[in-house]
Amino acid sequence: MTKIAEDARKLSTRFTPLADKIALVKSWPGINPNEVDAAVALAHEDGTIAGFETESPDNPLLDLVIVIYRNDVPATLRYGRARMREVWNDHYIEWADAYEQGVDDKRVELIPGASAFKPNTIVVQAVDFGANWHPDDGCPFLEDIQISQAGRLADFATLFNASQSPNWVEQMDGVSVPFTILAALLINAPRSGLSVRSPVIWHDKKYDEMGFGGFNIYDRFHGNSTAVVRDFSSRQ
């Protein structure tokens, strides 16, 4: 297979089609299928899906994600992490100090200025997983992006897409497809008392492992993106 053909194949299989995501999410524990249908209907009405269909041919890292917000931020992280572990199973590794023990509101929080959390809600979001990625030149410090783009940064979309689109994670190499930081969130390990890292999802091709780690907000994030939610409602 030529490189052009291989690139085309990867692009066509990178993200799972929305219809398949809908079926998957409806099978998850604690999910009301009617609420999933309502979220998809709203995404049609508010222009999210139309905007995605218009822009995705020119943006190979734009995807639609079904995000499941539980009753609070820690519960949402725990739920999304559980779905990731189900999909990746023995190929899943994580920052154990941060994620293996009880995750509560002292462990994970939204950054200042982040989009308002909407408890017990299902939302279909158009997310640019290549946003703020600088593969060929200098990249900013993560904290600077969190300050300047707080309200646009995706919170849990990356987490849920790791289970909805596992092929996307498998293609992550930091060169052609970036690793992705959950930049709207801050996480810390027990006893540290400092929230100076954001969750990050990455893939190791050598060992075929997907990782759920933490990225220091005072570092430059070369090889990583900080996904943003695209708002297409103004086009309606």
C-alpha atoms as a PDB file:
ATOM      1  CA  MET A   1       0.000   0.000   0.000  1.00  0.00           C
ATOM      2  CA  THR A   2       1.383   3.420  -0.943  1.00  0.00           C
ATOM      3  CA  LYS A   3       1.808   6.113   1.688  1.00  0.00           C
ATOM      4  CA  ILE A   4      -0.995   8.155   0.103  1.00  0.00           C
ATOM      5  CA  ALA A   5      -3.323   5.160   0.234  1.00  0.00           C
ATOM      6  CA  GLU A   6      -2.287   4.362   3.801  1.00  0.00           C
ATOM      7  CA  ASP A   7      -2.906   7.965   4.884  1.00  0.00           C
ATOM      8  CA  ALA A   8      -6.341   7.872   3.246  1.00  0.00           C
ATOM      9  CA  ARG A   9      -7.174   4.612   5.017  1.00  0.00           C
ATOM     10  CA  LYS A  10      -6.162   6.016   8.396  1.00  0.00           C
ATOM     11  CA  LEU A  11      -8.229   9.135   7.836  1.00  0.00           C
ATOM     12  CA  SER A  12     -11.318   7.157   6.859  1.00  0.00           C
ATOM     13  CA  THR A  13     -11.093   4.943   9.964  1.00  0.00           C
ATOM     14  CA  ARG A  14      -9.840   7.506  12.503  1.00  0.00           C
ATOM     15  CA  PHE A  15     -13.136   8.476  14.092  1.00  0.00           C
ATOM     16  CA  THR A  16     -16.107   6.226  14.693  1.00  0.00           C
ATOM     17  CA  PRO A  17     -19.275   7.329  12.813  1.00  0.00           C
ATOM     18  CA  LEU A  18     -21.839   9.109  14.990  1.00  0.00           C
ATOM     19  CA  ALA A  19     -24.475   6.411  14.428  1.00  0.00           C
ATOM     20  CA  ASP A  20     -22.138   3.788  15.897  1.00  0.00           C
ATOM     21  CA  LYS A  21     -21.292   6.065  18.816  1.00  0.00           C
ATOM     22  CA  ILE A  22     -24.982   6.498  19.549  1.00  0.00           C
ATOM     23  CA  ALA A  23     -25.475   2.726  19.688  1.00  0.00           C
ATOM     24  CA  LEU A  24     -22.413   2.320  21.918  1.00  0.00           C
ATOM     25  CA  VAL A  25     -23.389   5.034  24.398  1.00  0.00           C
ATOM     26  CA  LYS A  26     -26.932   3.676  24.676  1.00  0.00           C
ATOM     27  CA  SER A  27     -25.405   0.394  25.875  1.00  0.00           C
ATOM     28  CA  TRP A  28     -23.442   2.046  28.689  1.00  0.00           C
ATOM     29  CA  PRO A  29     -24.564   1.595  32.304  1.00  0.00           C
ATOM     30  CA  GLY A  30     -26.939   4.201  33.710  1.00  0.00           C
ATOM     31  CA  ILE A  31     -27.765   5.709  30.312  1.00  0.00           C
ATOM     32  CA  ASN A  32     -31.326   6.473  29.224  1.00  0.00           C
ATOM     33  CA  PRO A  33     -31.450   5.910  25.432  1.00  0.00           C
ATOM     34  CA  ASN A  34     -34.120   8.613  25.101  1.00  0.00           C
ATOM     35  CA  GLU A  35     -31.715  11.166  26.546  1.00  0.00           C
ATOM     36  CA  VAL A  36     -29.103  10.197  23.956  1.00  0.00           C
ATOM     37  CA  ASP A  37     -31.655  10.670  21.179  1.00  0.00           C
ATOM     38  CA  ALA A  38     -32.622  14.056  22.634  1.00  0.00           C
ATOM     39  CA  ALA A  39     -28.979  15.166  22.692  1.00  0.00           C
ATOM     40  CA  VAL A  40     -28.498  14.161  19.056  1.00  0.00           C
ATOM     41  CA  ALA A  41     -31.715  15.942  18.070  1.00  0.00           C
ATOM     42  CA  LEU A  42     -30.521  19.121  19.801  1.00  0.00           C
ATOM     43  CA  ALA A  43     -27.177  18.881  17.990  1.00  0.00           C
ATOM     44  CA  HIS A  44     -29.086  18.817  14.718  1.00  0.00           C
ATOM     45  CA  GLU A  45     -31.223  21.789  15.768  1.00  0.00           C
ATOM     46  CA  ASP A  46     -28.440  24.026  17.064  1.00  0.00           C
ATOM     47  CA  GLY A  47     -26.150  23.553  14.070  1.00  0.00           C
ATOM     48  CA  THR A  48     -23.503  21.383  15.727  1.00  0.00           C
ATOM     49  CA  ILE A  49     -23.850  18.492  13.304  1.00  0.00           C
ATOM     50  CA  ALA A  50     -24.291  20.718  10.245  1.00  0.00           C
ATOM     51  CA  GLY A  51     -21.197  22.704  11.203  1.00  0.00           C
ATOM     52  CA  PHE A  52     -19.216  19.526  11.680  1.00  0.00           C
ATOM     53  CA  GLU A  53     -20.322  18.152   8.301  1.00  0.00           C
ATOM     54  CA  THR A  54     -19.284  21.405   6.616  1.00  0.00           C
ATOM     55  CA  GLU A  55     -15.833  21.715   8.208  1.00  0.00           C
ATOM     56  CA  SER A  56     -14.712  18.130   8.804  1.00  0.00           C
ATOM     57  CA  PRO A  57     -13.603  17.483   5.201  1.00  0.00           C
ATOM     58  CA  ASP A  58     -10.968  20.201   5.684  1.00  0.00           C
ATOM     59  CA  ASN A  59     -10.127  19.323   9.283  1.00  0.00           C
ATOM     60  CA  PRO A  60      -9.104  15.680   9.782  1.00  0.00           C
ATOM     61  CA  LEU A  61      -9.023  16.119  13.578  1.00  0.00           C
ATOM     62  CA  LEU A  62     -12.578  17.439  13.989  1.00  0.00           C
ATOM     63  CA  ASP A  63     -15.028  14.942  15.452  1.00  0.00           C
ATOM     64  CA  LEU A  64     -18.440  14.630  17.073  1.00  0.00           C
ATOM     65  CA  VAL A  65     -18.351  13.294  20.631  1.00  0.00           C
ATOM     66  CA  ILE A  66     -21.164  12.244  22.930  1.00  0.00           C
ATOM     67  CA  VAL A  67     -20.210  13.599  26.355  1.00  0.00           C
ATOM     68  CA  ILE A  68     -21.876  12.188  29.466  1.00  0.00           C
ATOM     69  CA  TYR A  69     -21.932  14.610  32.373  1.00  0.00           C
ATOM     70  CA  ARG A  70     -22.718  12.925  35.686  1.00  0.00           C
ATOM     71  CA  ASN A  71     -23.760  14.706  38.873  1.00  0.00           C
ATOM     72  CA  ASP A  72     -20.382  16.440  39.377  1.00  0.00           C
ATOM     73  CA  VAL A  73     -16.869  16.758  37.938  1.00  0.00           C
ATOM     74  CA  PRO A  74     -15.265  13.835  39.851  1.00  0.00           C
ATOM     75  CA  ALA A  75     -18.176  11.502  39.038  1.00  0.00           C
ATOM     76  CA  THR A  76     -17.882  12.401  35.354  1.00  0.00           C
ATOM     77  CA  LEU A  77     -14.163  11.641  35.333  1.00  0.00           C
ATOM     78  CA  ARG A  78     -14.730   8.328  37.108  1.00  0.00           C
ATOM     79  CA  TYR A  79     -17.475   7.344  34.665  1.00  0.00           C
ATOM     80  CA  GLY A  80     -15.453   8.265  31.578  1.00  0.00           C
ATOM     81  CA  ARG A  81     -12.353   6.524  32.933  1.00  0.00           C
ATOM     82  CA  ALA A  82     -14.380   3.347  33.521  1.00  0.00           C
ATOM     83  CA  ARG A  83     -15.586   3.361  29.905  1.00  0.00           C
ATOM     84  CA  MET A  84     -11.975   3.777  28.703  1.00  0.00           C
ATOM     85  CA  ARG A  85     -10.823   0.846  30.790  1.00  0.00           C
ATOM     86  CA  GLU A  86     -13.603  -1.339  29.380  1.00  0.00           C
ATOM     87  CA  VAL A  87     -12.465  -0.647  25.820  1.00  0.00           C
ATOM     88  CA  TRP A  88      -8.703  -0.762  26.329  1.00  0.00           C
ATOM     89  CA  ASN A  89      -8.612  -3.451  29.029  1.00  0.00           C
ATOM     90  CA  ASP A  90      -5.065  -4.831  29.378  1.00  0.00           C
ATOM     91  CA  HIS A  91      -3.725  -2.130  27.035  1.00  0.00           C
ATOM     92  CA  TYR A  92      -4.728   0.644  29.460  1.00  0.00           C
ATOM     93  CA  ILE A  93      -2.217   2.253  31.823  1.00  0.00           C
ATOM     94  CA  GLU A  94      -2.601   5.328  34.025  1.00  0.00           C
ATOM     95  CA  TRP A  95      -1.020   7.668  36.521  1.00  0.00           C
ATOM     96  CA  ALA A  96      -1.917   5.427  39.426  1.00  0.00           C
ATOM     97  CA  ASP A  97      -1.386   7.966  42.218  1.00  0.00           C
ATOM     98  CA  ALA A  98      -3.949  10.291  40.667  1.00  0.00           C
ATOM     99  CA  TYR A  99      -6.568   7.942  39.261  1.00  0.00           C
ATOM    100  CA  GLU A 100      -6.508   4.586  41.047  1.00  0.00           C
ATOM    101  CA  GLN A 101      -7.678   5.826  44.434  1.00  0.00           C
ATOM    102  CA  GLY A 102     -10.902   7.671  45.158  1.00  0.00           C
ATOM    103  CA  VAL A 103     -11.230  10.650  42.826  1.00  0.00           C
ATOM    104  CA  ASP A 104     -13.134  13.466  44.520  1.00  0.00           C
ATOM    105  CA  ASP A 105     -13.442  17.247  44.230  1.00  0.00           C
ATOM    106  CA  LYS A 106     -10.111  17.666  46.010  1.00  0.00           C
ATOM    107  CA  ARG A 107      -8.441  15.605  43.278  1.00  0.00           C
ATOM    108  CA  VAL A 108      -9.994  16.986  40.091  1.00  0.00           C
ATOM    109  CA  GLU A 109     -11.496  20.383  39.257  1.00  0.00           C
ATOM    110  CA  LEU A 110     -12.263  22.687  36.358  1.00  0.00           C
ATOM    111  CA  ILE A 111      -9.825  25.482  35.566  1.00  0.00           C
ATOM    112  CA  PRO A 112     -10.961  29.065  36.325  1.00  0.00           C
ATOM    113  CA  GLY A 113     -13.134  30.376  33.508  1.00  0.00           C
ATOM    114  CA  ALA A 114     -13.967  26.953  32.085  1.00  0.00           C
ATOM    115  CA  SER A 115     -17.322  26.372  30.443  1.00  0.00           C
ATOM    116  CA  ALA A 116     -19.996  25.892  33.098  1.00  0.00           C
ATOM    117  CA  PHE A 117     -20.513  22.297  34.211  1.00  0.00           C
ATOM    118  CA  LYS A 118     -24.019  20.983  33.475  1.00  0.00           C
ATOM    119  CA  PRO A 119     -24.750  18.046  35.777  1.00  0.00           C
ATOM    120  CA  ASN A 120     -26.617  14.951  34.609  1.00  0.00           C
ATOM    121  CA  THR A 121     -26.634  16.047  30.982  1.00  0.00           C
ATOM    122  CA  ILE A 122     -25.771  14.331  27.707  1.00  0.00           C
ATOM    123  CA  VAL A 123     -24.320  16.609  25.020  1.00  0.00           C
ATOM    124  CA  VAL A 124     -23.097  16.069  21.465  1.00  0.00           C
ATOM    125  CA  GLN A 125     -20.075  18.306  20.914  1.00  0.00           C
ATOM    126  CA  ALA A 126     -18.055  19.128  17.812  1.00  0.00           C
ATOM    127  CA  VAL A 127     -14.469  19.010  19.047  1.00  0.00           C
ATOM    128  CA  ASP A 128     -11.248  20.002  17.312  1.00  0.00           C
ATOM    129  CA  PHE A 129      -8.640  17.543  18.568  1.00  0.00           C
ATOM    130  CA  GLY A 130      -5.886  19.360  16.709  1.00  0.00           C
ATOM    131  CA  ALA A 131      -6.437  22.738  18.353  1.00  0.00           C
ATOM    132  CA  ASN A 132      -3.324  24.534  19.632  1.00  0.00           C
ATOM    133  CA  TRP A 133      -1.082  21.811  18.217  1.00  0.00           C
ATOM    134  CA  HIS A 134       2.262  23.099  16.931  1.00  0.00           C
ATOM    135  CA  PRO A 135       4.087  20.130  15.389  1.00  0.00           C
ATOM    136  CA  ASP A 136       6.639  22.113  13.410  1.00  0.00           C
ATOM    137  CA  ASP A 137       7.454  25.156  15.520  1.00  0.00           C
ATOM    138  CA  GLY A 138       7.421  26.489  19.047  1.00  0.00           C
ATOM    139  CA  CYS A 139       4.473  25.829  21.306  1.00  0.00           C
ATOM    140  CA  PRO A 140       3.140  27.869  24.240  1.00  0.00           C
ATOM    141  CA  PHE A 141       3.018  26.921  27.880  1.00  0.00           C
ATOM    142  CA  LEU A 142      -0.133  25.013  28.814  1.00  0.00           C
ATOM    143  CA  GLU A 143      -1.050  27.536  31.510  1.00  0.00           C
ATOM    144  CA  ASP A 144      -1.092  30.347  28.918  1.00  0.00           C
ATOM    145  CA  ILE A 145      -3.646  28.456  26.817  1.00  0.00           C
ATOM    146  CA  GLN A 146      -5.720  27.730  29.908  1.00  0.00           C
ATOM    147  CA  ILE A 147      -5.844  31.437  30.721  1.00  0.00           C
ATOM    148  CA  SER A 148      -6.497  32.748  27.213  1.00  0.00           C
ATOM    149  CA  GLN A 149      -8.902  30.039  25.983  1.00  0.00           C
ATOM    150  CA  ALA A 150     -10.514  28.742  29.168  1.00  0.00           C
ATOM    151  CA  GLY A 151     -14.125  28.924  27.987  1.00  0.00           C
ATOM    152  CA  ARG A 152     -13.389  27.123  24.694  1.00  0.00           C
ATOM    153  CA  LEU A 153     -11.332  24.228  26.019  1.00  0.00           C
ATOM    154  CA  ALA A 154     -12.992  20.817  25.997  1.00  0.00           C
ATOM    155  CA  ASP A 155     -13.416  19.284  29.429  1.00  0.00           C
ATOM    156  CA  PHE A 156     -14.432  15.627  29.100  1.00  0.00           C
ATOM    157  CA  ALA A 157     -14.777  15.144  25.328  1.00  0.00           C
ATOM    158  CA  THR A 158     -11.269  13.715  25.000  1.00  0.00           C
ATOM    159  CA  LEU A 159     -11.939  11.247  27.795  1.00  0.00           C
ATOM    160  CA  PHE A 160     -15.143   9.953  26.204  1.00  0.00           C
ATOM    161  CA  ASN A 161     -13.756   9.892  22.688  1.00  0.00           C
ATOM    162  CA  ALA A 162     -10.974   7.587  23.820  1.00  0.00           C
ATOM    163  CA  SER A 163     -13.641   4.910  24.239  1.00  0.00           C
ATOM    164  CA  GLN A 164     -15.901   6.014  21.373  1.00  0.00           C
ATOM    165  CA  SER A 165     -13.076   6.314  18.788  1.00  0.00           C
ATOM    166  CA  PRO A 166     -10.266   3.942  19.840  1.00  0.00           C
ATOM    167  CA  ASN A 167      -8.753   4.044  16.333  1.00  0.00           C
ATOM    168  CA  TRP A 168      -8.042   7.734  16.885  1.00  0.00           C
ATOM    169  CA  VAL A 169      -6.058   6.944  20.024  1.00  0.00           C
ATOM    170  CA  GLU A 170      -4.170   4.181  18.224  1.00  0.00           C
ATOM    171  CA  GLN A 171      -3.075   6.704  15.587  1.00  0.00           C
ATOM    172  CA  MET A 172      -1.663   9.129  18.164  1.00  0.00           C
ATOM    173  CA  ASP A 173       2.072   9.544  17.770  1.00  0.00           C
ATOM    174  CA  GLY A 174       2.630  13.222  18.572  1.00  0.00           C
ATOM    175  CA  VAL A 175       3.762  13.769  14.976  1.00  0.00           C
ATOM    176  CA  SER A 176       0.871  13.104  12.583  1.00  0.00           C
ATOM    177  CA  VAL A 177      -1.831  12.845  15.254  1.00  0.00           C
ATOM    178  CA  PRO A 178      -1.259  14.669  18.549  1.00  0.00           C
ATOM    179  CA  PHE A 179      -1.653  13.352  22.042  1.00  0.00           C
ATOM    180  CA  THR A 180      -4.443  15.333  23.691  1.00  0.00           C
ATOM    181  CA  ILE A 181      -4.547  17.237  26.975  1.00  0.00           C
ATOM    182  CA  LEU A 182      -7.812  17.675  28.876  1.00  0.00           C
ATOM    183  CA  ALA A 183      -6.818  21.287  29.426  1.00  0.00           C
ATOM    184  CA  ALA A 184     -10.055  22.428  31.077  1.00  0.00           C
ATOM    185  CA  LEU A 185      -9.308  20.146  34.021  1.00  0.00           C
ATOM    186  CA  LEU A 186      -6.729  20.140  36.810  1.00  0.00           C
ATOM    187  CA  ILE A 187      -5.685  16.958  38.601  1.00  0.00           C
ATOM    188  CA  ASN A 188      -3.388  16.248  41.515  1.00  0.00           C
ATOM    189  CA  ALA A 189      -2.118  13.197  43.324  1.00  0.00           C
ATOM    190  CA  PRO A 190      -3.023  12.446  46.958  1.00  0.00           C
ATOM    191  CA  ARG A 191      -1.053  14.382  49.556  1.00  0.00           C
ATOM    192  CA  SER A 192       0.474  16.745  46.991  1.00  0.00           C
ATOM    193  CA  GLY A 193      -2.112  19.467  47.574  1.00  0.00           C
ATOM    194  CA  LEU A 194      -1.126  21.099  44.274  1.00  0.00           C
ATOM    195  CA  SER A 195      -3.248  21.086  41.126  1.00  0.00           C
ATOM    196  CA  VAL A 196      -0.471  21.752  38.620  1.00  0.00           C
ATOM    197  CA  ARG A 197      -1.267  19.067  36.067  1.00  0.00           C
ATOM    198  CA  SER A 198      -4.007  18.452  33.540  1.00  0.00           C
ATOM    199  CA  PRO A 199      -5.069  14.968  32.452  1.00  0.00           C
ATOM    200  CA  VAL A 200      -3.612  13.815  29.134  1.00  0.00           C
ATOM    201  CA  ILE A 201      -4.358  10.860  26.849  1.00  0.00           C
ATOM    202  CA  TRP A 202      -1.573   9.333  24.788  1.00  0.00           C
ATOM    203  CA  HIS A 203      -0.669   6.134  22.966  1.00  0.00           C
ATOM    204  CA  ASP A 204       2.529   4.095  22.871  1.00  0.00           C
ATOM    205  CA  LYS A 205       2.738   2.248  19.557  1.00  0.00           C
ATOM    206  CA  LYS A 206       5.673   0.070  20.640  1.00  0.00           C
ATOM    207  CA  TYR A 207       3.733  -1.510  23.492  1.00  0.00           C
ATOM    208  CA  ASP A 208       0.235  -0.865  22.078  1.00  0.00           C
ATOM    209  CA  GLU A 209      -0.824   0.924  25.239  1.00  0.00           C
ATOM    210  CA  MET A 210      -3.043   3.918  25.783  1.00  0.00           C
ATOM    211  CA  GLY A 211      -2.142   6.063  28.741  1.00  0.00           C
ATOM    212  CA  PHE A 212      -4.099   8.367  31.018  1.00  0.00           C
ATOM    213  CA  GLY A 213      -1.557  10.614  32.671  1.00  0.00           C
ATOM    214  CA  GLY A 214      -0.921  14.164  33.832  1.00  0.00           C
ATOM    215  CA  PHE A 215       0.769  17.069  32.031  1.00  0.00           C
ATOM    216  CA  ASN A 216       2.431  19.894  33.949  1.00  0.00           C
ATOM    217  CA  ILE A 217       0.658  23.194  33.222  1.00  0.00           C
ATOM    218  CA  TYR A 218       3.990  25.077  33.399  1.00  0.00           C
ATOM    219  CA  ASP A 219       5.482  23.059  30.523  1.00  0.00           C
ATOM    220  CA  ARG A 220       5.354  23.621  26.770  1.00  0.00           C
ATOM    221  CA  PHE A 221       3.151  20.987  25.168  1.00  0.00           C
ATOM    222  CA  HIS A 222       5.032  19.988  22.021  1.00  0.00           C
ATOM    223  CA  GLY A 223       3.413  16.897  20.460  1.00  0.00           C
ATOM    224  CA  ASN A 224       0.134  17.539  22.254  1.00  0.00           C
ATOM    225  CA  SER A 225      -3.076  19.370  21.413  1.00  0.00           C
ATOM    226  CA  THR A 226      -5.526  21.052  23.769  1.00  0.00           C
ATOM    227  CA  ALA A 227      -8.883  20.180  22.249  1.00  0.00           C
ATOM    228  CA  VAL A 228     -11.515  22.903  21.924  1.00  0.00           C
ATOM    229  CA  VAL A 229     -15.275  22.727  21.491  1.00  0.00           C
ATOM    230  CA  ARG A 230     -16.475  24.350  18.287  1.00  0.00           C
ATOM    231  CA  ASP A 231     -19.647  26.440  18.558  1.00  0.00           C
ATOM    232  CA  PHE A 232     -21.581  26.390  15.294  1.00  0.00           C
ATOM    233  CA  SER A 233     -24.812  27.812  16.683  1.00  0.00           C
ATOM    234  CA  SER A 234     -24.175  31.292  15.252  1.00  0.00           C
ATOM    235  CA  ARG A 235     -24.496  29.818  11.777  1.00  0.00           C
ATOM    236  CA  GLN A 236     -28.124  28.927  12.330  1.00  0.00           C
END
